[in-house]
Amino acid sequence: MGFIGRLGIGIRKSFTGIIDFFKGSVTELKKVRWPNRKELTSYTAVVVITVALLTLFFTVIDLGIAKLVDLIT
C-alpha cells in the first residue's frame, strides 16, 4: 500500500472520529437539564448586576490610580 492508500485510510479515520465526536456531543446535550424562563431571567440578572458592579469597582480603582500618578508627577 502506497502513500496515497495510507492517506485515504487516515482521512477516513479522521472523518469517522469527527462524526463520532458530534454524535457524542448531541447525546450529551440531550442529557442536559436546561433552565426554564424564570431561572434564565434570574441568572441573567445576576450576571448583568455583577458585571455592572465590577465595572464600577475597576473604574473607581483606575481613576484613583490615575489621580495618584498625577499627584506624583
PDB file of N, CA and C in Angstrom:
ATOM      1  N   MET A   1       0.859  -1.168   0.000  1.00  0.00           N
ATOM      2  CA  MET A   1       0.000   0.000   0.000  1.00  0.00           C
ATOM      3  C   MET A   1       0.903   1.228   0.000  1.00  0.00           C
ATOM      4  N   GLY A   2       0.649   2.094  -0.915  1.00  0.00           N
ATOM      5  CA  GLY A   2       1.476   3.282  -1.052  1.00  0.00           C
ATOM      6  C   GLY A   2       1.008   4.423  -0.169  1.00  0.00           C
ATOM      7  N   PHE A   3       1.675   5.519  -0.369  1.00  0.00           N
ATOM      8  CA  PHE A   3       1.375   6.713   0.422  1.00  0.00           C
ATOM      9  C   PHE A   3      -0.073   7.148   0.250  1.00  0.00           C
ATOM     10  N   ILE A   4      -0.562   7.150  -0.989  1.00  0.00           N
ATOM     11  CA  ILE A   4      -1.937   7.591  -1.266  1.00  0.00           C
ATOM     12  C   ILE A   4      -2.947   6.672  -0.568  1.00  0.00           C
ATOM     13  N   GLY A   5      -2.687   5.379  -0.563  1.00  0.00           N
ATOM     14  CA  GLY A   5      -3.593   4.437   0.099  1.00  0.00           C
ATOM     15  C   GLY A   5      -3.650   4.680   1.596  1.00  0.00           C
ATOM     16  N   ARG A   6      -2.479   4.892   2.206  1.00  0.00           N
ATOM     17  CA  ARG A   6      -2.439   5.168   3.646  1.00  0.00           C
ATOM     18  C   ARG A   6      -3.093   6.512   3.960  1.00  0.00           C
ATOM     19  N   LEU A   7      -2.925   7.478   3.082  1.00  0.00           N
ATOM     20  CA  LEU A   7      -3.535   8.785   3.265  1.00  0.00           C
ATOM     21  C   LEU A   7      -5.056   8.669   3.262  1.00  0.00           C
ATOM     22  N   GLY A   8      -5.596   7.862   2.352  1.00  0.00           N
ATOM     23  CA  GLY A   8      -7.039   7.658   2.286  1.00  0.00           C
ATOM     24  C   GLY A   8      -7.579   7.031   3.555  1.00  0.00           C
ATOM     25  N   ILE A   9      -6.843   6.072   4.121  1.00  0.00           N
ATOM     26  CA  ILE A   9      -7.275   5.435   5.375  1.00  0.00           C
ATOM     27  C   ILE A   9      -7.253   6.458   6.517  1.00  0.00           C
ATOM     28  N   GLY A  10      -6.217   7.279   6.536  1.00  0.00           N
ATOM     29  CA  GLY A  10      -6.123   8.306   7.584  1.00  0.00           C
ATOM     30  C   GLY A  10      -7.246   9.308   7.499  1.00  0.00           C
ATOM     31  N   ILE A  11      -7.588   9.701   6.278  1.00  0.00           N
ATOM     32  CA  ILE A  11      -8.678  10.664   6.101  1.00  0.00           C
ATOM     33  C   ILE A  11      -9.999  10.039   6.537  1.00  0.00           C
ATOM     34  N   ARG A  12     -10.221   8.771   6.178  1.00  0.00           N
ATOM     35  CA  ARG A  12     -11.452   8.095   6.589  1.00  0.00           C
ATOM     36  C   ARG A  12     -11.543   8.010   8.112  1.00  0.00           C
ATOM     37  N   LYS A  13     -10.417   7.696   8.775  1.00  0.00           N
ATOM     38  CA  LYS A  13     -10.414   7.623  10.236  1.00  0.00           C
ATOM     39  C   LYS A  13     -10.693   9.002  10.839  1.00  0.00           C
ATOM     40  N   SER A  14     -10.164  10.042  10.210  1.00  0.00           N
ATOM     41  CA  SER A  14     -10.388  11.399  10.710  1.00  0.00           C
ATOM     42  C   SER A  14     -11.869  11.749  10.644  1.00  0.00           C
ATOM     43  N   PHE A  15     -12.497  11.470   9.515  1.00  0.00           N
ATOM     44  CA  PHE A  15     -13.915  11.782   9.375  1.00  0.00           C
ATOM     45  C   PHE A  15     -14.755  10.942  10.322  1.00  0.00           C
ATOM     46  N   THR A  16     -14.385   9.688  10.520  1.00  0.00           N
ATOM     47  CA  THR A  16     -15.105   8.833  11.460  1.00  0.00           C
ATOM     48  C   THR A  16     -14.976   9.404  12.867  1.00  0.00           C
ATOM     49  N   GLY A  17     -13.790   9.866  13.218  1.00  0.00           N
ATOM     50  CA  GLY A  17     -13.586  10.465  14.542  1.00  0.00           C
ATOM     51  C   GLY A  17     -14.404  11.731  14.725  1.00  0.00           C
ATOM     52  N   ILE A  18     -14.464  12.556  13.697  1.00  0.00           N
ATOM     53  CA  ILE A  18     -15.246  13.792  13.771  1.00  0.00           C
ATOM     54  C   ILE A  18     -16.726  13.473  13.911  1.00  0.00           C
ATOM     55  N   ILE A  19     -17.209  12.525  13.133  1.00  0.00           N
ATOM     56  CA  ILE A  19     -18.625  12.137  13.195  1.00  0.00           C
ATOM     57  C   ILE A  19     -18.953  11.579  14.580  1.00  0.00           C
ATOM     58  N   ASP A  20     -18.079  10.723  15.123  1.00  0.00           N
ATOM     59  CA  ASP A  20     -18.299  10.167  16.461  1.00  0.00           C
ATOM     60  C   ASP A  20     -18.307  11.273  17.519  1.00  0.00           C
ATOM     61  N   PHE A  21     -17.436  12.259  17.362  1.00  0.00           N
ATOM     62  CA  PHE A  21     -17.397  13.380  18.305  1.00  0.00           C
ATOM     63  C   PHE A  21     -18.734  14.111  18.324  1.00  0.00           C
ATOM     64  N   PHE A  22     -19.268  14.430  17.147  1.00  0.00           N
ATOM     65  CA  PHE A  22     -20.535  15.160  17.096  1.00  0.00           C
ATOM     66  C   PHE A  22     -21.697  14.303  17.582  1.00  0.00           C
ATOM     67  N   LYS A  23     -21.682  13.018  17.299  1.00  0.00           N
ATOM     68  CA  LYS A  23     -22.732  12.134  17.821  1.00  0.00           C
ATOM     69  C   LYS A  23     -22.697  12.116  19.348  1.00  0.00           C
ATOM     70  N   GLY A  24     -21.488  12.032  19.912  1.00  0.00           N
ATOM     71  CA  GLY A  24     -21.347  12.057  21.371  1.00  0.00           C
ATOM     72  C   GLY A  24     -21.792  13.382  21.954  1.00  0.00           C
ATOM     73  N   SER A  25     -21.481  14.474  21.258  1.00  0.00           N
ATOM     74  CA  SER A  25     -21.887  15.795  21.728  1.00  0.00           C
ATOM     75  C   SER A  25     -23.406  15.921  21.769  1.00  0.00           C
ATOM     76  N   VAL A  26     -24.075  15.460  20.726  1.00  0.00           N
ATOM     77  CA  VAL A  26     -25.536  15.514  20.683  1.00  0.00           C
ATOM     78  C   VAL A  26     -26.121  14.661  21.804  1.00  0.00           C
ATOM     79  N   THR A  27     -25.554  13.491  22.047  1.00  0.00           N
ATOM     80  CA  THR A  27     -26.028  12.611  23.111  1.00  0.00           C
ATOM     81  C   THR A  27     -25.898  13.298  24.472  1.00  0.00           C
ATOM     82  N   GLU A  28     -24.759  13.943  24.712  1.00  0.00           N
ATOM     83  CA  GLU A  28     -24.556  14.623  25.991  1.00  0.00           C
ATOM     84  C   GLU A  28     -25.477  15.830  26.143  1.00  0.00           C
ATOM     85  N   LEU A  29     -25.717  16.561  25.058  1.00  0.00           N
ATOM     86  CA  LEU A  29     -26.607  17.719  25.135  1.00  0.00           C
ATOM     87  C   LEU A  29     -28.049  17.305  25.435  1.00  0.00           C
ATOM     88  N   LYS A  30     -28.432  16.105  25.046  1.00  0.00           N
ATOM     89  CA  LYS A  30     -29.776  15.620  25.357  1.00  0.00           C
ATOM     90  C   LYS A  30     -29.921  15.333  26.846  1.00  0.00           C
ATOM     91  N   LYS A  31     -28.806  15.100  27.550  1.00  0.00           N
ATOM     92  CA  LYS A  31     -28.840  14.808  28.979  1.00  0.00           C
ATOM     93  C   LYS A  31     -28.897  16.089  29.827  1.00  0.00           C
ATOM     94  N   VAL A  32     -28.631  17.219  29.214  1.00  0.00           N
ATOM     95  CA  VAL A  32     -28.552  18.483  29.951  1.00  0.00           C
ATOM     96  C   VAL A  32     -29.936  18.910  30.415  1.00  0.00           C
ATOM     97  N   ARG A  33     -30.010  19.408  31.656  1.00  0.00           N
ATOM     98  CA  ARG A  33     -31.254  19.986  32.163  1.00  0.00           C
ATOM     99  C   ARG A  33     -31.166  21.482  31.903  1.00  0.00           C
ATOM    100  N   TRP A  34     -31.935  21.947  30.954  1.00  0.00           N
ATOM    101  CA  TRP A  34     -31.906  23.351  30.564  1.00  0.00           C
ATOM    102  C   TRP A  34     -32.749  24.159  31.521  1.00  0.00           C
ATOM    103  N   PRO A  35     -32.345  25.410  31.842  1.00  0.00           N
ATOM    104  CA  PRO A  35     -33.130  26.233  32.778  1.00  0.00           C
ATOM    105  C   PRO A  35     -34.438  26.694  32.142  1.00  0.00           C
ATOM    106  N   ASN A  36     -35.446  26.874  33.001  1.00  0.00           N
ATOM    107  CA  ASN A  36     -36.714  27.404  32.496  1.00  0.00           C
ATOM    108  C   ASN A  36     -36.602  28.934  32.401  1.00  0.00           C
ATOM    109  N   ARG A  37     -37.656  29.578  31.950  1.00  0.00           N
ATOM    110  CA  ARG A  37     -37.603  31.033  31.699  1.00  0.00           C
ATOM    111  C   ARG A  37     -37.308  31.815  32.984  1.00  0.00           C
ATOM    112  N   LYS A  38     -37.923  31.429  34.100  1.00  0.00           N
ATOM    113  CA  LYS A  38     -37.715  32.145  35.358  1.00  0.00           C
ATOM    114  C   LYS A  38     -36.262  32.034  35.815  1.00  0.00           C
ATOM    115  N   GLU A  39     -35.707  30.828  35.755  1.00  0.00           N
ATOM    116  CA  GLU A  39     -34.311  30.634  36.145  1.00  0.00           C
ATOM    117  C   GLU A  39     -33.373  31.408  35.227  1.00  0.00           C
ATOM    118  N   LEU A  40     -33.647  31.368  33.948  1.00  0.00           N
ATOM    119  CA  LEU A  40     -32.801  32.061  32.977  1.00  0.00           C
ATOM    120  C   LEU A  40     -32.808  33.564  33.229  1.00  0.00           C
ATOM    121  N   THR A  41     -33.990  34.123  33.516  1.00  0.00           N
ATOM    122  CA  THR A  41     -34.093  35.553  33.816  1.00  0.00           C
ATOM    123  C   THR A  41     -33.303  35.885  35.083  1.00  0.00           C
ATOM    124  N   SER A  42     -33.416  35.041  36.085  1.00  0.00           N
ATOM    125  CA  SER A  42     -32.710  35.253  37.341  1.00  0.00           C
ATOM    126  C   SER A  42     -31.196  35.205  37.133  1.00  0.00           C
ATOM    127  N   TYR A  43     -30.723  34.206  36.420  1.00  0.00           N
ATOM    128  CA  TYR A  43     -29.285  34.069  36.166  1.00  0.00           C
ATOM    129  C   TYR A  43     -28.760  35.248  35.346  1.00  0.00           C
ATOM    130  N   THR A  44     -29.537  35.674  34.376  1.00  0.00           N
ATOM    131  CA  THR A  44     -29.129  36.805  33.539  1.00  0.00           C
ATOM    132  C   THR A  44     -29.020  38.073  34.374  1.00  0.00           C
ATOM    133  N   ALA A  45     -29.978  38.293  35.272  1.00  0.00           N
ATOM    134  CA  ALA A  45     -29.943  39.470  36.136  1.00  0.00           C
ATOM    135  C   ALA A  45     -28.712  39.445  37.033  1.00  0.00           C
ATOM    136  N   VAL A  46     -28.387  38.291  37.582  1.00  0.00           N
ATOM    137  CA  VAL A  46     -27.195  38.167  38.435  1.00  0.00           C
ATOM    138  C   VAL A  46     -25.941  38.513  37.646  1.00  0.00           C
ATOM    139  N   VAL A  47     -25.829  38.028  36.439  1.00  0.00           N
ATOM    140  CA  VAL A  47     -24.646  38.298  35.616  1.00  0.00           C
ATOM    141  C   VAL A  47     -24.546  39.780  35.271  1.00  0.00           C
ATOM    142  N   VAL A  48     -25.654  40.386  34.855  1.00  0.00           N
ATOM    143  CA  VAL A  48     -25.637  41.803  34.473  1.00  0.00           C
ATOM    144  C   VAL A  48     -25.278  42.679  35.676  1.00  0.00           C
ATOM    145  N   ILE A  49     -25.862  42.399  36.840  1.00  0.00           N
ATOM    146  CA  ILE A  49     -25.554  43.181  38.045  1.00  0.00           C
ATOM    147  C   ILE A  49     -24.092  43.003  38.446  1.00  0.00           C
ATOM    148  N   THR A  50     -23.592  41.777  38.397  1.00  0.00           N
ATOM    149  CA  THR A  50     -22.197  41.519  38.743  1.00  0.00           C
ATOM    150  C   THR A  50     -21.253  42.260  37.807  1.00  0.00           C
ATOM    151  N   VAL A  51     -21.526  42.218  36.523  1.00  0.00           N
ATOM    152  CA  VAL A  51     -20.680  42.923  35.548  1.00  0.00           C
ATOM    153  C   VAL A  51     -20.723  44.422  35.796  1.00  0.00           C
ATOM    154  N   ALA A  52     -21.901  44.971  36.090  1.00  0.00           N
ATOM    155  CA  ALA A  52     -22.015  46.410  36.355  1.00  0.00           C
ATOM    156  C   ALA A  52     -21.232  46.800  37.605  1.00  0.00           C
ATOM    157  N   LEU A  53     -21.339  46.007  38.663  1.00  0.00           N
ATOM    158  CA  LEU A  53     -20.604  46.311  39.895  1.00  0.00           C
ATOM    159  C   LEU A  53     -19.092  46.213  39.696  1.00  0.00           C
ATOM    160  N   LEU A  54     -18.650  45.203  38.990  1.00  0.00           N
ATOM    161  CA  LEU A  54     -17.213  45.062  38.730  1.00  0.00           C
ATOM    162  C   LEU A  54     -16.701  46.193  37.844  1.00  0.00           C
ATOM    163  N   THR A  55     -17.510  46.609  36.886  1.00  0.00           N
ATOM    164  CA  THR A  55     -17.131  47.737  36.031  1.00  0.00           C
ATOM    165  C   THR A  55     -16.974  48.997  36.862  1.00  0.00           C
ATOM    166  N   LEU A  56     -17.922  49.245  37.737  1.00  0.00           N
ATOM    167  CA  LEU A  56     -17.856  50.408  38.620  1.00  0.00           C
ATOM    168  C   LEU A  56     -16.626  50.330  39.525  1.00  0.00           C
ATOM    169  N   PHE A  57     -16.385  49.171  40.117  1.00  0.00           N
ATOM    170  CA  PHE A  57     -15.240  48.981  41.006  1.00  0.00           C
ATOM    171  C   PHE A  57     -13.928  49.269  40.280  1.00  0.00           C
ATOM    172  N   PHE A  58     -13.724  48.670  39.116  1.00  0.00           N
ATOM    173  CA  PHE A  58     -12.467  48.860  38.408  1.00  0.00           C
ATOM    174  C   PHE A  58     -12.326  50.278  37.847  1.00  0.00           C
ATOM    175  N   THR A  59     -13.450  50.928  37.543  1.00  0.00           N
ATOM    176  CA  THR A  59     -13.395  52.320  37.105  1.00  0.00           C
ATOM    177  C   THR A  59     -12.905  53.214  38.239  1.00  0.00           C
ATOM    178  N   VAL A  60     -13.435  53.005  39.441  1.00  0.00           N
ATOM    179  CA  VAL A  60     -13.012  53.785  40.602  1.00  0.00           C
ATOM    180  C   VAL A  60     -11.533  53.530  40.904  1.00  0.00           C
ATOM    181  N   ILE A  61     -11.119  52.281  40.866  1.00  0.00           N
ATOM    182  CA  ILE A  61      -9.710  51.948  41.108  1.00  0.00           C
ATOM    183  C   ILE A  61      -8.828  52.615  40.059  1.00  0.00           C
ATOM    184  N   ASP A  62      -9.210  52.544  38.811  1.00  0.00           N
ATOM    185  CA  ASP A  62      -8.426  53.134  37.722  1.00  0.00           C
ATOM    186  C   ASP A  62      -8.322  54.648  37.886  1.00  0.00           C
ATOM    187  N   LEU A  63      -9.431  55.299  38.210  1.00  0.00           N
ATOM    188  CA  LEU A  63      -9.407  56.749  38.415  1.00  0.00           C
ATOM    189  C   LEU A  63      -8.548  57.121  39.620  1.00  0.00           C
ATOM    190  N   GLY A  64      -8.619  56.308  40.665  1.00  0.00           N
ATOM    191  CA  GLY A  64      -7.786  56.555  41.845  1.00  0.00           C
ATOM    192  C   GLY A  64      -6.304  56.433  41.532  1.00  0.00           C
ATOM    193  N   ILE A  65      -5.923  55.413  40.806  1.00  0.00           N
ATOM    194  CA  ILE A  65      -4.522  55.239  40.427  1.00  0.00           C
ATOM    195  C   ILE A  65      -4.082  56.370  39.507  1.00  0.00           C
ATOM    196  N   ALA A  66      -4.942  56.777  38.587  1.00  0.00           N
ATOM    197  CA  ALA A  66      -4.602  57.881  37.692  1.00  0.00           C
ATOM    198  C   ALA A  66      -4.392  59.169  38.494  1.00  0.00           C
ATOM    199  N   LYS A  67      -5.234  59.404  39.497  1.00  0.00           N
ATOM    200  CA  LYS A  67      -5.093  60.607  40.342  1.00  0.00           C
ATOM    201  C   LYS A  67      -3.775  60.554  41.136  1.00  0.00           C
ATOM    202  N   LEU A  68      -3.426  59.377  41.649  1.00  0.00           N
ATOM    203  CA  LEU A  68      -2.155  59.223  42.371  1.00  0.00           C
ATOM    204  C   LEU A  68      -0.962  59.490  41.449  1.00  0.00           C
ATOM    205  N   VAL A  69      -1.010  58.995  40.244  1.00  0.00           N
ATOM    206  CA  VAL A  69       0.075  59.222  39.286  1.00  0.00           C
ATOM    207  C   VAL A  69       0.177  60.717  38.978  1.00  0.00           C
ATOM    208  N   ASP A  70      -0.959  61.395  38.828  1.00  0.00           N
ATOM    209  CA  ASP A  70      -0.945  62.841  38.580  1.00  0.00           C
ATOM    210  C   ASP A  70      -0.324  63.605  39.750  1.00  0.00           C
ATOM    211  N   LEU A  71      -0.621  63.169  40.974  1.00  0.00           N
ATOM    212  CA  LEU A  71      -0.061  63.829  42.145  1.00  0.00           C
ATOM    213  C   LEU A  71       1.452  63.618  42.252  1.00  0.00           C
ATOM    214  N   ILE A  72       1.902  62.432  41.855  1.00  0.00           N
ATOM    215  CA  ILE A  72       3.333  62.117  41.940  1.00  0.00           C
ATOM    216  C   ILE A  72       4.120  62.885  40.876  1.00  0.00           C
ATOM    217  N   THR A  73       3.576  63.010  39.670  1.00  0.00           N
ATOM    218  CA  THR A  73       4.332  63.664  38.591  1.00  0.00           C
ATOM    219  C   THR A  73       4.059  65.123  38.496  1.00  0.00           C
TER     220      THR A  73
END
